[in-house]
N, C-alpha and C. Protein backbone atom coordinates (compact mmCIF):
# COMPACT_ATOMS: atom_id res chain seq x y z
N MET A 1 -11.43 15.66 47.89
CA MET A 1 -10.30 15.12 47.18
C MET A 1 -10.19 15.73 45.80
N ARG A 2 -11.30 16.26 45.30
CA ARG A 2 -11.30 16.84 43.97
C ARG A 2 -10.46 18.13 43.93
N PHE A 3 -10.38 18.86 45.04
CA PHE A 3 -9.63 20.11 45.08
C PHE A 3 -8.17 19.91 45.47
N PHE A 4 -7.82 18.72 45.87
CA PHE A 4 -6.45 18.47 46.32
C PHE A 4 -5.43 18.65 45.19
N TRP A 5 -5.67 18.03 44.05
CA TRP A 5 -4.68 18.06 42.96
C TRP A 5 -4.45 19.46 42.39
N PRO A 6 -5.49 20.25 42.15
CA PRO A 6 -5.20 21.62 41.67
C PRO A 6 -4.41 22.44 42.69
N ILE A 7 -4.74 22.29 43.96
CA ILE A 7 -4.01 23.01 44.99
C ILE A 7 -2.58 22.50 45.08
N PHE A 8 -2.41 21.19 45.00
CA PHE A 8 -1.08 20.59 45.04
C PHE A 8 -0.21 21.11 43.90
N TRP A 9 -0.74 21.11 42.67
CA TRP A 9 0.03 21.57 41.52
C TRP A 9 0.28 23.08 41.58
N PHE A 10 -0.65 23.83 42.15
CA PHE A 10 -0.45 25.26 42.33
C PHE A 10 0.74 25.50 43.25
N PHE A 11 0.80 24.80 44.39
CA PHE A 11 1.90 24.98 45.32
C PHE A 11 3.22 24.47 44.73
N CYS A 12 3.17 23.41 43.95
CA CYS A 12 4.39 22.96 43.28
C CYS A 12 4.90 24.02 42.31
N GLY A 13 3.98 24.66 41.59
CA GLY A 13 4.37 25.73 40.68
C GLY A 13 4.95 26.92 41.41
N VAL A 14 4.31 27.30 42.53
CA VAL A 14 4.82 28.41 43.33
C VAL A 14 6.21 28.08 43.87
N LEU A 15 6.41 26.87 44.33
CA LEU A 15 7.70 26.45 44.85
C LEU A 15 8.76 26.48 43.75
N ALA A 16 8.42 26.01 42.57
CA ALA A 16 9.37 26.03 41.45
C ALA A 16 9.73 27.47 41.06
N MET A 17 8.75 28.36 41.04
CA MET A 17 9.02 29.76 40.72
C MET A 17 9.92 30.40 41.77
N TYR A 18 9.67 30.10 43.04
CA TYR A 18 10.50 30.65 44.11
C TYR A 18 11.93 30.15 43.98
N ALA A 19 12.10 28.86 43.70
CA ALA A 19 13.44 28.30 43.54
C ALA A 19 14.16 28.95 42.36
N TRP A 20 13.45 29.15 41.27
CA TRP A 20 14.05 29.76 40.08
C TRP A 20 14.49 31.19 40.37
N ILE A 21 13.63 31.96 41.03
CA ILE A 21 13.96 33.36 41.32
C ILE A 21 15.13 33.45 42.29
N SER A 22 15.13 32.64 43.33
CA SER A 22 16.22 32.71 44.31
C SER A 22 17.55 32.27 43.69
N THR A 23 17.52 31.26 42.83
CA THR A 23 18.74 30.83 42.15
C THR A 23 19.25 31.92 41.22
N ARG A 24 18.34 32.55 40.52
CA ARG A 24 18.71 33.64 39.61
C ARG A 24 19.38 34.79 40.36
N ARG A 25 18.85 35.13 41.53
CA ARG A 25 19.44 36.20 42.34
C ARG A 25 20.84 35.82 42.80
N LYS A 26 21.04 34.58 43.24
CA LYS A 26 22.36 34.13 43.70
C LYS A 26 23.37 34.19 42.55
N ILE A 27 22.96 33.76 41.38
CA ILE A 27 23.86 33.79 40.23
C ILE A 27 24.23 35.22 39.88
N ARG A 28 23.26 36.12 39.89
CA ARG A 28 23.53 37.53 39.58
C ARG A 28 24.51 38.14 40.57
N LYS A 29 24.39 37.81 41.84
CA LYS A 29 25.30 38.36 42.84
C LYS A 29 26.72 37.88 42.62
N ARG A 30 26.89 36.64 42.20
CA ARG A 30 28.23 36.08 41.97
C ARG A 30 28.88 36.63 40.71
N ILE A 31 28.08 36.90 39.69
CA ILE A 31 28.62 37.31 38.40
C ILE A 31 28.88 38.81 38.33
N THR A 32 28.37 39.59 39.25
CA THR A 32 28.51 41.03 39.20
C THR A 32 29.98 41.41 39.10
N ILE A 33 30.31 42.20 38.09
CA ILE A 33 31.68 42.65 37.87
C ILE A 33 31.81 44.05 38.44
N PRO A 34 32.77 44.24 39.33
CA PRO A 34 32.91 45.58 39.92
C PRO A 34 33.42 46.57 38.87
N PRO A 35 33.02 47.83 38.96
CA PRO A 35 33.52 48.82 38.01
C PRO A 35 35.01 49.07 38.23
N PRO A 36 35.72 49.48 37.19
CA PRO A 36 37.16 49.72 37.36
C PRO A 36 37.40 50.91 38.30
N ARG A 37 38.40 50.79 39.10
CA ARG A 37 38.75 51.86 40.04
C ARG A 37 39.91 52.68 39.44
N VAL A 38 39.72 53.99 39.37
CA VAL A 38 40.75 54.89 38.87
C VAL A 38 41.06 55.88 39.98
N ASP A 39 42.32 55.88 40.44
CA ASP A 39 42.70 56.80 41.51
C ASP A 39 43.60 57.91 40.94
N GLU A 40 44.14 58.73 41.80
CA GLU A 40 44.96 59.88 41.38
C GLU A 40 46.22 59.44 40.62
N ASP A 41 46.85 58.35 41.07
CA ASP A 41 48.04 57.86 40.37
C ASP A 41 47.72 57.42 38.96
N ASP A 42 46.56 56.79 38.78
CA ASP A 42 46.14 56.36 37.44
C ASP A 42 45.90 57.57 36.54
N ILE A 43 45.32 58.63 37.09
CA ILE A 43 45.07 59.84 36.29
C ILE A 43 46.39 60.47 35.88
N ARG A 44 47.36 60.53 36.80
CA ARG A 44 48.68 61.07 36.45
C ARG A 44 49.34 60.25 35.35
N ARG A 45 49.22 58.94 35.45
CA ARG A 45 49.81 58.06 34.43
C ARG A 45 49.14 58.29 33.07
N ILE A 46 47.85 58.52 33.06
CA ILE A 46 47.14 58.80 31.80
C ILE A 46 47.66 60.12 31.21
N VAL A 47 47.84 61.13 32.04
CA VAL A 47 48.32 62.43 31.56
C VAL A 47 49.74 62.32 31.02
N VAL A 48 50.61 61.59 31.72
CA VAL A 48 52.01 61.49 31.32
C VAL A 48 52.18 60.55 30.12
N GLU A 49 51.64 59.36 30.19
CA GLU A 49 51.87 58.35 29.16
C GLU A 49 50.82 58.36 28.05
N GLY A 50 49.68 58.94 28.31
CA GLY A 50 48.62 58.99 27.30
C GLY A 50 47.69 57.79 27.34
N ALA A 51 47.96 56.81 28.20
CA ALA A 51 47.11 55.62 28.30
C ALA A 51 47.29 55.01 29.68
N LEU A 52 46.31 54.30 30.09
CA LEU A 52 46.38 53.59 31.37
C LEU A 52 46.36 52.11 31.08
N LEU A 53 47.48 51.45 31.31
CA LEU A 53 47.57 50.02 31.07
C LEU A 53 47.64 49.30 32.41
N LYS A 54 46.72 48.41 32.61
CA LYS A 54 46.70 47.60 33.83
C LYS A 54 47.30 46.24 33.52
N ASP A 55 47.11 45.28 34.39
CA ASP A 55 47.64 43.94 34.21
C ASP A 55 46.73 43.10 33.33
N ASP A 56 46.29 43.65 32.25
CA ASP A 56 45.43 42.92 31.32
C ASP A 56 46.30 42.05 30.43
N PRO A 57 45.71 41.02 29.83
CA PRO A 57 46.50 40.21 28.90
C PRO A 57 46.90 41.04 27.68
N ALA A 58 47.96 40.59 27.02
CA ALA A 58 48.46 41.30 25.84
C ALA A 58 47.39 41.31 24.76
N PRO A 59 47.37 42.35 23.93
CA PRO A 59 46.38 42.39 22.86
C PRO A 59 46.59 41.25 21.87
N LEU A 60 45.54 40.89 21.18
CA LEU A 60 45.60 39.78 20.26
C LEU A 60 46.44 40.13 19.04
N ASP A 61 47.23 39.16 18.58
CA ASP A 61 48.02 39.33 17.37
C ASP A 61 47.17 38.84 16.20
N LEU A 62 46.54 39.76 15.50
CA LEU A 62 45.60 39.38 14.45
C LEU A 62 46.29 38.68 13.29
N ARG A 63 47.53 39.05 13.00
CA ARG A 63 48.25 38.37 11.91
C ARG A 63 48.48 36.90 12.25
N GLN A 64 48.90 36.64 13.47
CA GLN A 64 49.14 35.26 13.90
C GLN A 64 47.83 34.47 13.88
N ILE A 65 46.76 35.08 14.33
CA ILE A 65 45.46 34.40 14.33
C ILE A 65 45.04 34.06 12.91
N LYS A 66 45.21 35.02 11.98
CA LYS A 66 44.85 34.80 10.58
C LYS A 66 45.69 33.66 10.00
N LYS A 67 46.98 33.64 10.31
CA LYS A 67 47.87 32.59 9.81
C LYS A 67 47.43 31.21 10.30
N GLU A 68 47.15 31.11 11.60
CA GLU A 68 46.71 29.84 12.18
C GLU A 68 45.38 29.40 11.58
N GLU A 69 44.47 30.33 11.37
CA GLU A 69 43.18 30.00 10.80
C GLU A 69 43.33 29.50 9.36
N ASP A 70 44.18 30.17 8.58
CA ASP A 70 44.41 29.73 7.20
C ASP A 70 45.02 28.33 7.16
N GLU A 71 45.98 28.06 8.05
CA GLU A 71 46.57 26.72 8.11
C GLU A 71 45.51 25.68 8.46
N PHE A 72 44.65 26.01 9.38
CA PHE A 72 43.60 25.07 9.77
C PHE A 72 42.68 24.73 8.60
N TRP A 73 42.22 25.75 7.88
CA TRP A 73 41.28 25.51 6.80
C TRP A 73 41.93 24.91 5.56
N ASN A 74 43.26 25.02 5.44
CA ASN A 74 43.94 24.44 4.29
C ASN A 74 44.30 22.97 4.49
N GLU A 75 44.13 22.45 5.68
CA GLU A 75 44.40 21.04 5.93
C GLU A 75 43.40 20.17 5.17
N THR A 76 43.87 18.99 4.78
CA THR A 76 42.95 18.07 4.12
C THR A 76 42.32 17.17 5.19
N TRP A 77 41.09 16.83 4.95
CA TRP A 77 40.36 16.03 5.92
C TRP A 77 39.94 14.73 5.27
N GLU A 78 40.06 13.68 6.03
CA GLU A 78 39.65 12.38 5.52
C GLU A 78 38.12 12.29 5.57
N GLU A 79 37.58 11.68 4.55
CA GLU A 79 36.13 11.51 4.52
C GLU A 79 35.72 10.46 5.54
N VAL A 80 34.54 10.61 6.07
CA VAL A 80 34.02 9.69 7.06
C VAL A 80 33.63 8.38 6.36
N GLU A 81 34.04 7.29 6.97
CA GLU A 81 33.69 5.98 6.39
C GLU A 81 32.25 5.65 6.77
N GLU A 82 31.50 5.26 5.78
CA GLU A 82 30.12 4.85 6.03
C GLU A 82 30.10 3.40 6.45
N LEU A 83 29.25 3.06 7.36
CA LEU A 83 29.18 1.69 7.85
C LEU A 83 28.24 0.85 7.01
């Protein structure tokens, strides 16, 4: 009975490590981002237009972001009431 607990905890540790590794592998497989595909039409478009634009979201408007941020920080805040 003296050897039961060390063996038990060893197998629990091995089981936990196996679960962690298998979960990590599953997460990696799901998160993998495929590389961008560039075909002949895309190359022609780059040569003609000078850039390849896909269906990506519009670029950020830094002026608008700066304006919104300044408005946020210029607001007055009520002090927290102490109980």
